[in-house]
C-alpha atoms as a PDB file:
ATOM      1  CA  MET A   1     -40.355 -21.743 -45.014  1.00  0.00           C
ATOM      2  CA  LEU A   2     -43.398 -22.729 -43.612  1.00  0.00           C
ATOM      3  CA  THR A   3     -44.974 -23.638 -46.806  1.00  0.00           C
ATOM      4  CA  ALA A   4     -42.067 -25.740 -47.820  1.00  0.00           C
ATOM      5  CA  LEU A   5     -42.479 -27.613 -44.465  1.00  0.00           C
ATOM      6  CA  LYS A   6     -46.244 -28.115 -45.097  1.00  0.00           C
ATOM      7  CA  ILE A   7     -45.603 -29.364 -48.504  1.00  0.00           C
ATOM      8  CA  PHE A   8     -42.912 -31.681 -47.177  1.00  0.00           C
ATOM      9  CA  ILE A   9     -45.383 -33.101 -44.546  1.00  0.00           C
ATOM     10  CA  VAL A  10     -48.138 -33.598 -47.130  1.00  0.00           C
ATOM     11  CA  LEU A  11     -45.708 -35.299 -49.565  1.00  0.00           C
ATOM     12  CA  THR A  12     -44.243 -37.624 -46.964  1.00  0.00           C
ATOM     13  CA  ALA A  13     -47.803 -38.505 -45.668  1.00  0.00           C
ATOM     14  CA  THR A  14     -49.049 -39.241 -49.205  1.00  0.00           C
ATOM     15  CA  VAL A  15     -46.108 -41.354 -50.150  1.00  0.00           C
ATOM     16  CA  LEU A  16     -46.433 -43.466 -47.057  1.00  0.00           C
ATOM     17  CA  LEU A  17     -50.017 -43.939 -47.588  1.00  0.00           C
ATOM     18  CA  GLN A  18     -49.557 -44.831 -51.210  1.00  0.00           C
ATOM     19  CA  VAL A  19     -46.887 -47.487 -50.528  1.00  0.00           C
ATOM     20  CA  THR A  20     -47.575 -48.993 -47.309  1.00  0.00           C
ATOM     21  CA  ILE A  21     -51.303 -48.690 -46.102  1.00  0.00           C
ATOM     22  CA  LEU A  22     -53.392 -48.526 -49.425  1.00  0.00           C
ATOM     23  CA  PRO A  23     -51.882 -51.808 -51.005  1.00  0.00           C
ATOM     24  CA  ALA A  24     -52.657 -53.818 -47.851  1.00  0.00           C
ATOM     25  CA  TYR A  25     -56.182 -52.917 -47.750  1.00  0.00           C
ATOM     26  CA  LEU A  26     -57.508 -52.091 -51.141  1.00  0.00           C
ATOM     27  CA  ALA A  27     -57.684 -54.096 -54.301  1.00  0.00           C
ATOM     28  CA  ASP A  28     -55.648 -52.915 -57.205  1.00  0.00           C
ATOM     29  CA  PRO A  29     -58.282 -51.355 -59.660  1.00  0.00           C
ATOM     30  CA  PHE A  30     -59.940 -49.486 -56.895  1.00  0.00           C
ATOM     31  CA  LYS A  31     -56.692 -48.265 -55.075  1.00  0.00           C
ATOM     32  CA  PRO A  32     -56.479 -44.489 -55.375  1.00  0.00           C
ATOM     33  CA  ASN A  33     -53.252 -43.123 -56.682  1.00  0.00           C
ATOM     34  CA  LEU A  34     -52.756 -40.259 -54.355  1.00  0.00           C
ATOM     35  CA  LEU A  35     -49.596 -39.028 -56.078  1.00  0.00           C
ATOM     36  CA  ILE A  36     -51.656 -38.032 -59.178  1.00  0.00           C
ATOM     37  CA  ILE A  37     -53.958 -36.104 -56.957  1.00  0.00           C
ATOM     38  CA  VAL A  38     -50.951 -34.332 -55.272  1.00  0.00           C
ATOM     39  CA  VAL A  39     -49.607 -33.733 -58.847  1.00  0.00           C
ATOM     40  CA  THR A  40     -52.820 -32.266 -60.050  1.00  0.00           C
ATOM     41  CA  TYR A  41     -53.099 -29.954 -57.009  1.00  0.00           C
ATOM     42  CA  LEU A  42     -49.378 -28.664 -57.403  1.00  0.00           C
ATOM     43  CA  GLY A  43     -49.946 -28.155 -61.252  1.00  0.00           C
ATOM     44  CA  LEU A  44     -53.121 -26.198 -60.704  1.00  0.00           C
ATOM     45  CA  LYS A  45     -52.229 -24.232 -57.438  1.00  0.00           C
ATOM     46  CA  THR A  46     -48.321 -23.619 -57.328  1.00  0.00           C
ATOM     47  CA  ASN A  47     -45.624 -22.015 -59.415  1.00  0.00           C
ATOM     48  CA  ARG A  48     -43.476 -23.692 -61.752  1.00  0.00           C
ATOM     49  CA  SER A  49     -40.915 -24.869 -59.087  1.00  0.00           C
ATOM     50  CA  GLY A  50     -43.454 -27.802 -58.464  1.00  0.00           C
ATOM     51  CA  GLY A  51     -42.334 -29.380 -61.568  1.00  0.00           C
ATOM     52  CA  VAL A  52     -39.295 -30.823 -59.723  1.00  0.00           C
ATOM     53  CA  ILE A  53     -41.588 -32.119 -57.091  1.00  0.00           C
ATOM     54  CA  ALA A  54     -43.777 -33.746 -59.651  1.00  0.00           C
ATOM     55  CA  PHE A  55     -40.887 -35.435 -61.492  1.00  0.00           C
ATOM     56  CA  ALA A  56     -39.531 -36.695 -58.135  1.00  0.00           C
ATOM     57  CA  LEU A  57     -42.906 -37.985 -57.044  1.00  0.00           C
ATOM     58  CA  GLY A  58     -43.087 -39.833 -60.373  1.00  0.00           C
ATOM     59  CA  LEU A  59     -39.616 -41.287 -59.892  1.00  0.00           C
ATOM     60  CA  LEU A  60     -40.498 -42.351 -56.320  1.00  0.00           C
ATOM     61  CA  GLN A  61     -43.500 -44.255 -57.440  1.00  0.00           C
ATOM     62  CA  ASP A  62     -41.587 -46.049 -60.096  1.00  0.00           C
ATOM     63  CA  CYS A  63     -38.976 -47.152 -57.557  1.00  0.00           C
ATOM     64  CA  TYR A  64     -41.727 -48.733 -55.491  1.00  0.00           C
ATOM     65  CA  SER A  65     -44.065 -50.001 -58.301  1.00  0.00           C
ATOM     66  CA  GLY A  66     -41.505 -52.006 -60.093  1.00  0.00           C
ATOM     67  CA  ILE A  67     -42.347 -50.882 -63.589  1.00  0.00           C
ATOM     68  CA  TYR A  68     -39.917 -49.030 -65.653  1.00  0.00           C
ATOM     69  CA  LEU A  69     -37.875 -46.223 -64.091  1.00  0.00           C
ATOM     70  CA  GLY A  70     -38.798 -42.803 -65.395  1.00  0.00           C
ATOM     71  CA  LEU A  71     -42.358 -43.866 -66.808  1.00  0.00           C
ATOM     72  CA  ASN A  72     -44.371 -42.160 -64.030  1.00  0.00           C
ATOM     73  CA  GLY A  73     -41.723 -39.385 -63.598  1.00  0.00           C
ATOM     74  CA  PHE A  74     -42.101 -38.442 -67.232  1.00  0.00           C
ATOM     75  CA  SER A  75     -45.858 -38.675 -67.433  1.00  0.00           C
ATOM     76  CA  TYR A  76     -46.369 -36.539 -64.064  1.00  0.00           C
ATOM     77  CA  LEU A  77     -44.009 -34.011 -65.331  1.00  0.00           C
ATOM     78  CA  CYS A  78     -46.048 -33.739 -68.473  1.00  0.00           C
ATOM     79  CA  HIS A  79     -49.194 -33.455 -66.412  1.00  0.00           C
ATOM     80  CA  PHE A  80     -47.819 -30.745 -64.251  1.00  0.00           C
ATOM     81  CA  ILE A  81     -46.562 -28.804 -67.056  1.00  0.00           C
ATOM     82  CA  PHE A  82     -49.850 -28.893 -68.881  1.00  0.00           C
ATOM     83  CA  LEU A  83     -51.990 -28.158 -65.787  1.00  0.00           C
ATOM     84  CA  ASN A  84     -49.614 -25.277 -64.830  1.00  0.00           C
ATOM     85  CA  LEU A  85     -50.043 -23.758 -68.276  1.00  0.00           C
ATOM     86  CA  ALA A  86     -53.866 -24.248 -68.132  1.00  0.00           C
ATOM     87  CA  ALA A  87     -54.285 -22.941 -64.424  1.00  0.00           C
ATOM     88  CA  ASP A  88     -54.457 -19.313 -65.451  1.00  0.00           C
ATOM     89  CA  ARG A  89     -57.508 -20.092 -67.676  1.00  0.00           C
ATOM     90  CA  LEU A  90     -59.458 -22.306 -65.068  1.00  0.00           C
ATOM     91  CA  TYR A  91     -61.416 -21.389 -62.125  1.00  0.00           C
ATOM     92  CA  THR A  92     -59.241 -23.501 -59.663  1.00  0.00           C
ATOM     93  CA  GLU A  93     -61.270 -22.523 -56.669  1.00  0.00           C
ATOM     94  CA  SER A  94     -64.030 -24.809 -57.709  1.00  0.00           C
ATOM     95  CA  ARG A  95     -63.929 -28.159 -55.996  1.00  0.00           C
ATOM     96  CA  PHE A  96     -65.944 -29.775 -58.859  1.00  0.00           C
ATOM     97  CA  LEU A  97     -63.504 -28.744 -61.285  1.00  0.00           C
ATOM     98  CA  MET A  98     -60.575 -29.954 -59.271  1.00  0.00           C
ATOM     99  CA  VAL A  99     -62.310 -33.397 -59.122  1.00  0.00           C
ATOM    100  CA  PHE A 100     -63.025 -33.600 -62.742  1.00  0.00           C
ATOM    101  CA  VAL A 101     -59.463 -32.510 -63.406  1.00  0.00           C
ATOM    102  CA  VAL A 102     -58.220 -35.341 -61.197  1.00  0.00           C
ATOM    103  CA  PHE A 103     -60.446 -37.803 -62.954  1.00  0.00           C
ATOM    104  CA  ILE A 104     -59.179 -36.660 -66.418  1.00  0.00           C
ATOM    105  CA  SER A 105     -55.498 -36.666 -65.265  1.00  0.00           C
ATOM    106  CA  THR A 106     -55.826 -40.282 -64.144  1.00  0.00           C
ATOM    107  CA  VAL A 107     -57.270 -41.227 -67.507  1.00  0.00           C
ATOM    108  CA  VAL A 108     -54.536 -39.355 -69.392  1.00  0.00           C
ATOM    109  CA  ASN A 109     -51.791 -40.781 -67.052  1.00  0.00           C
ATOM    110  CA  GLY A 110     -52.917 -44.354 -67.875  1.00  0.00           C
ATOM    111  CA  LEU A 111     -53.209 -43.594 -71.467  1.00  0.00           C
ATOM    112  CA  LEU A 112     -49.757 -41.852 -71.523  1.00  0.00           C
ATOM    113  CA  ASN A 113     -48.166 -44.785 -69.736  1.00  0.00           C
ATOM    114  CA  LEU A 114     -49.772 -47.176 -72.268  1.00  0.00           C
ATOM    115  CA  LEU A 115     -48.336 -45.103 -75.081  1.00  0.00           C
ATOM    116  CA  LEU A 116     -44.878 -44.800 -73.530  1.00  0.00           C
ATOM    117  CA  LEU A 117     -44.922 -48.568 -72.998  1.00  0.00           C
ATOM    118  CA  LEU A 118     -46.110 -49.271 -76.619  1.00  0.00           C
ATOM    119  CA  ILE A 119     -43.115 -47.042 -77.885  1.00  0.00           C
ATOM    120  CA  PHE A 120     -40.335 -48.116 -75.534  1.00  0.00           C
ATOM    121  CA  SER A 121     -41.329 -51.624 -74.223  1.00  0.00           C
ATOM    122  CA  THR A 122     -41.530 -55.164 -75.642  1.00  0.00           C
ATOM    123  CA  ALA A 123     -43.662 -56.635 -73.095  1.00  0.00           C
ATOM    124  CA  GLY A 124     -47.013 -57.473 -74.762  1.00  0.00           C
ATOM    125  CA  SER A 125     -49.142 -58.641 -71.946  1.00  0.00           C
ATOM    126  CA  ILE A 126     -48.780 -55.432 -69.766  1.00  0.00           C
ATOM    127  CA  TYR A 127     -51.394 -53.817 -72.051  1.00  0.00           C
ATOM    128  CA  ALA A 128     -54.111 -56.127 -71.052  1.00  0.00           C
ATOM    129  CA  THR A 129     -53.359 -55.498 -67.417  1.00  0.00           C
ATOM    130  CA  LEU A 130     -53.264 -51.687 -67.427  1.00  0.00           C
ATOM    131  CA  LEU A 131     -56.237 -50.782 -69.855  1.00  0.00           C
ATOM    132  CA  PRO A 132     -59.237 -52.162 -67.836  1.00  0.00           C
ATOM    133  CA  ASP A 133     -58.070 -50.543 -64.628  1.00  0.00           C
ATOM    134  CA  ILE A 134     -57.958 -47.098 -65.915  1.00  0.00           C
ATOM    135  CA  VAL A 135     -61.483 -45.899 -65.376  1.00  0.00           C
ATOM    136  CA  PRO A 136     -61.811 -47.639 -61.976  1.00  0.00           C
ATOM    137  CA  GLN A 137     -58.808 -45.900 -60.857  1.00  0.00           C
ATOM    138  CA  ALA A 138     -60.010 -42.590 -62.093  1.00  0.00           C
ATOM    139  CA  ILE A 139     -63.176 -42.984 -60.263  1.00  0.00           C
ATOM    140  CA  ALA A 140     -61.428 -43.903 -57.099  1.00  0.00           C
ATOM    141  CA  ASN A 141     -59.192 -40.844 -57.451  1.00  0.00           C
ATOM    142  CA  ALA A 142     -62.168 -38.616 -57.958  1.00  0.00           C
ATOM    143  CA  VAL A 143     -63.882 -39.819 -54.893  1.00  0.00           C
ATOM    144  CA  ILE A 144     -60.815 -39.428 -52.767  1.00  0.00           C
ATOM    145  CA  SER A 145     -59.840 -36.013 -54.316  1.00  0.00           C
ATOM    146  CA  SER A 146     -63.399 -34.848 -53.534  1.00  0.00           C
ATOM    147  CA  LEU A 147     -62.873 -35.572 -49.822  1.00  0.00           C
ATOM    148  CA  LEU A 148     -59.345 -34.201 -49.824  1.00  0.00           C
ATOM    149  CA  PHE A 149     -60.215 -30.900 -51.474  1.00  0.00           C
ATOM    150  CA  SER A 150     -62.966 -30.276 -49.037  1.00  0.00           C
ATOM    151  CA  LEU A 151     -60.452 -30.094 -46.064  1.00  0.00           C
ATOM    152  CA  PRO A 152     -60.036 -26.570 -44.813  1.00  0.00           C
ATOM    153  CA  GLY A 153     -56.245 -26.733 -44.248  1.00  0.00           C
ATOM    154  CA  LEU A 154     -55.360 -27.591 -47.728  1.00  0.00           C
ATOM    155  CA  SER A 155     -55.584 -23.978 -48.905  1.00  0.00           C
ATOM    156  CA  ALA A 156     -52.601 -23.082 -46.630  1.00  0.00           C
ATOM    157  CA  ILE A 157     -50.249 -24.777 -49.156  1.00  0.00           C
ATOM    158  CA  GLU A 158     -50.989 -22.570 -52.032  1.00  0.00           C
ATOM    159  CA  GLU A 159     -48.338 -20.241 -53.264  1.00  0.00           C
ATOM    160  CA  ARG A 160     -49.489 -19.310 -56.859  1.00  0.00           C
ATOM    161  CA  ARG A 161     -49.983 -15.723 -57.722  1.00  0.00           C
END
């Protein structure tokens, strides 16, 4: 029960930062996507029940971003499933590995969103706005995740194994 409360508090704080404070103070390509960091952490550190949380976070981001509903929900769920399957083979206690996985997840999320938009959308100009922002956002996510993963209280949320 206490673990669920901690996860709820972290998710609420993350969503509030993502949709209220960060857009007001940071430019778009350098604005970190905290929800990808949370989904990466949940995928590597929790059991399979975090998939529902990952999908809900993606839908919540879609509600606030104004892009197609379900786009981030599907991509976050794919990230969670892949990372959860790979978590047994990775040394998830390494902070460097966690930061690297966040960087790769951000790039893959951007490419997956572009692929889904290519398949399901007719908006031609959206590709030119999303493609150049993938690497700067991945770098910003990696920097923020290196700070977040060094916090001592973050290990209290783990429930895997």
